[in-house]
Amino acid sequence: MSTTTKNMLKSWLNVFVSALITAVLVIFTSNNGTIPMDGELWLGALISAVVAVLPVIKNYFDKSDARYGKVAEPSL
């Protein structure tokens, strides 16, 4: 696996964990302090995964992002 791919996966994982913790806290507080074991928790995890991909995609297409973005070609 290339370094670029590893960096993208690390970035996604960081955002995913943050979004998942936020989703669990919102679900926890909206259910009077209980975590439901039905589809609501899984839906929160799925939405967190989707939300976590968005910044990685944005950074990939950002030409000024040298981490793993599409680097702009120098102008002559």
C-alpha atoms as a PDB file:
ATOM      1  CA  MET A   1       0.000   0.000   0.000  1.00  0.00           C
ATOM      2  CA  SER A   2       1.397   3.364  -0.953  1.00  0.00           C
ATOM      3  CA  THR A   3       2.086   6.165   1.511  1.00  0.00           C
ATOM      4  CA  THR A   4      -0.589   8.297  -0.133  1.00  0.00           C
ATOM      5  CA  THR A   5      -3.210   5.608   0.383  1.00  0.00           C
ATOM      6  CA  LYS A   6      -2.134   5.093   3.987  1.00  0.00           C
ATOM      7  CA  ASN A   7      -2.405   8.842   4.643  1.00  0.00           C
ATOM      8  CA  MET A   8      -5.895   8.935   3.132  1.00  0.00           C
ATOM      9  CA  LEU A   9      -7.021   5.979   5.249  1.00  0.00           C
ATOM     10  CA  LYS A  10      -5.565   7.499   8.425  1.00  0.00           C
ATOM     11  CA  SER A  11      -7.340  10.771   7.698  1.00  0.00           C
ATOM     12  CA  TRP A  12     -10.616   8.954   7.074  1.00  0.00           C
ATOM     13  CA  LEU A  13     -10.240   6.903  10.247  1.00  0.00           C
ATOM     14  CA  ASN A  14      -9.595  10.011  12.367  1.00  0.00           C
ATOM     15  CA  VAL A  15     -12.697  11.761  11.053  1.00  0.00           C
ATOM     16  CA  PHE A  16     -14.767   8.550  11.286  1.00  0.00           C
ATOM     17  CA  VAL A  17     -13.926   8.012  14.958  1.00  0.00           C
ATOM     18  CA  SER A  18     -14.800  11.635  15.749  1.00  0.00           C
ATOM     19  CA  ALA A  19     -18.074  11.453  13.831  1.00  0.00           C
ATOM     20  CA  LEU A  20     -18.965   8.083  15.386  1.00  0.00           C
ATOM     21  CA  ILE A  21     -18.378   9.360  18.925  1.00  0.00           C
ATOM     22  CA  THR A  22     -20.525  12.396  18.142  1.00  0.00           C
ATOM     23  CA  ALA A  23     -23.309  10.223  16.696  1.00  0.00           C
ATOM     24  CA  VAL A  24     -23.281   7.885  19.706  1.00  0.00           C
ATOM     25  CA  LEU A  25     -23.423  10.843  22.110  1.00  0.00           C
ATOM     26  CA  VAL A  26     -26.354  12.370  20.233  1.00  0.00           C
ATOM     27  CA  ILE A  27     -28.209   9.039  20.189  1.00  0.00           C
ATOM     28  CA  PHE A  28     -27.358   8.483  23.857  1.00  0.00           C
ATOM     29  CA  THR A  29     -28.659  11.866  24.981  1.00  0.00           C
ATOM     30  CA  SER A  30     -31.781  11.765  22.799  1.00  0.00           C
ATOM     31  CA  ASN A  31     -32.856   8.412  24.324  1.00  0.00           C
ATOM     32  CA  ASN A  32     -32.819   9.452  27.990  1.00  0.00           C
ATOM     33  CA  GLY A  33     -29.345   8.106  28.657  1.00  0.00           C
ATOM     34  CA  THR A  34     -29.728   4.708  27.018  1.00  0.00           C
ATOM     35  CA  ILE A  35     -28.104   3.400  23.893  1.00  0.00           C
ATOM     36  CA  PRO A  36     -30.665   1.603  21.748  1.00  0.00           C
ATOM     37  CA  MET A  37     -29.663  -1.736  20.260  1.00  0.00           C
ATOM     38  CA  ASP A  38     -31.871  -1.376  17.230  1.00  0.00           C
ATOM     39  CA  GLY A  39     -31.186   0.069  13.803  1.00  0.00           C
ATOM     40  CA  GLU A  40     -30.756   3.616  15.102  1.00  0.00           C
ATOM     41  CA  LEU A  41     -27.230   2.925  16.333  1.00  0.00           C
ATOM     42  CA  TRP A  42     -26.218   1.244  13.062  1.00  0.00           C
ATOM     43  CA  LEU A  43     -27.717   4.112  11.069  1.00  0.00           C
ATOM     44  CA  GLY A  44     -25.643   6.547  13.131  1.00  0.00           C
ATOM     45  CA  ALA A  45     -22.507   4.520  12.385  1.00  0.00           C
ATOM     46  CA  LEU A  46     -23.315   4.443   8.665  1.00  0.00           C
ATOM     47  CA  ILE A  47     -23.928   8.189   8.530  1.00  0.00           C
ATOM     48  CA  SER A  48     -20.650   8.738  10.428  1.00  0.00           C
ATOM     49  CA  ALA A  49     -18.768   6.665   7.848  1.00  0.00           C
ATOM     50  CA  VAL A  50     -20.277   8.633   4.974  1.00  0.00           C
ATOM     51  CA  VAL A  51     -19.590  11.979   6.651  1.00  0.00           C
ATOM     52  CA  ALA A  52     -15.983  10.925   7.340  1.00  0.00           C
ATOM     53  CA  VAL A  53     -15.340  10.353   3.630  1.00  0.00           C
ATOM     54  CA  LEU A  54     -16.319  13.881   2.606  1.00  0.00           C
ATOM     55  CA  PRO A  55     -13.227  15.750   3.940  1.00  0.00           C
ATOM     56  CA  VAL A  56     -10.931  13.112   2.416  1.00  0.00           C
ATOM     57  CA  ILE A  57     -12.578  13.551  -0.989  1.00  0.00           C
ATOM     58  CA  LYS A  58     -12.391  17.334  -0.646  1.00  0.00           C
ATOM     59  CA  ASN A  59      -8.681  17.164   0.209  1.00  0.00           C
ATOM     60  CA  TYR A  60      -8.000  14.773  -2.670  1.00  0.00           C
ATOM     61  CA  PHE A  61      -9.298  17.267  -5.223  1.00  0.00           C
ATOM     62  CA  ASP A  62      -7.743  20.321  -3.526  1.00  0.00           C
ATOM     63  CA  LYS A  63      -4.755  21.248  -5.689  1.00  0.00           C
ATOM     64  CA  SER A  64      -3.161  23.244  -2.874  1.00  0.00           C
ATOM     65  CA  ASP A  65      -3.195  20.253  -0.500  1.00  0.00           C
ATOM     66  CA  ALA A  66       0.234  18.651  -0.758  1.00  0.00           C
ATOM     67  CA  ARG A  67      -0.562  15.748   1.626  1.00  0.00           C
ATOM     68  CA  TYR A  68      -2.391  13.646  -0.929  1.00  0.00           C
ATOM     69  CA  GLY A  69      -4.214  16.105  -3.128  1.00  0.00           C
ATOM     70  CA  LYS A  70      -3.866  16.455  -6.843  1.00  0.00           C
ATOM     71  CA  VAL A  71      -0.875  18.774  -6.888  1.00  0.00           C
ATOM     72  CA  ALA A  72      -1.231  21.708  -9.254  1.00  0.00           C
ATOM     73  CA  GLU A  73       1.126  21.732 -12.189  1.00  0.00           C
ATOM     74  CA  PRO A  74       3.563  24.636 -12.128  1.00  0.00           C
ATOM     75  CA  SER A  75       2.667  27.415 -14.551  1.00  0.00           C
ATOM     76  CA  LEU A  76       5.246  28.667 -17.006  1.00  0.00           C
END
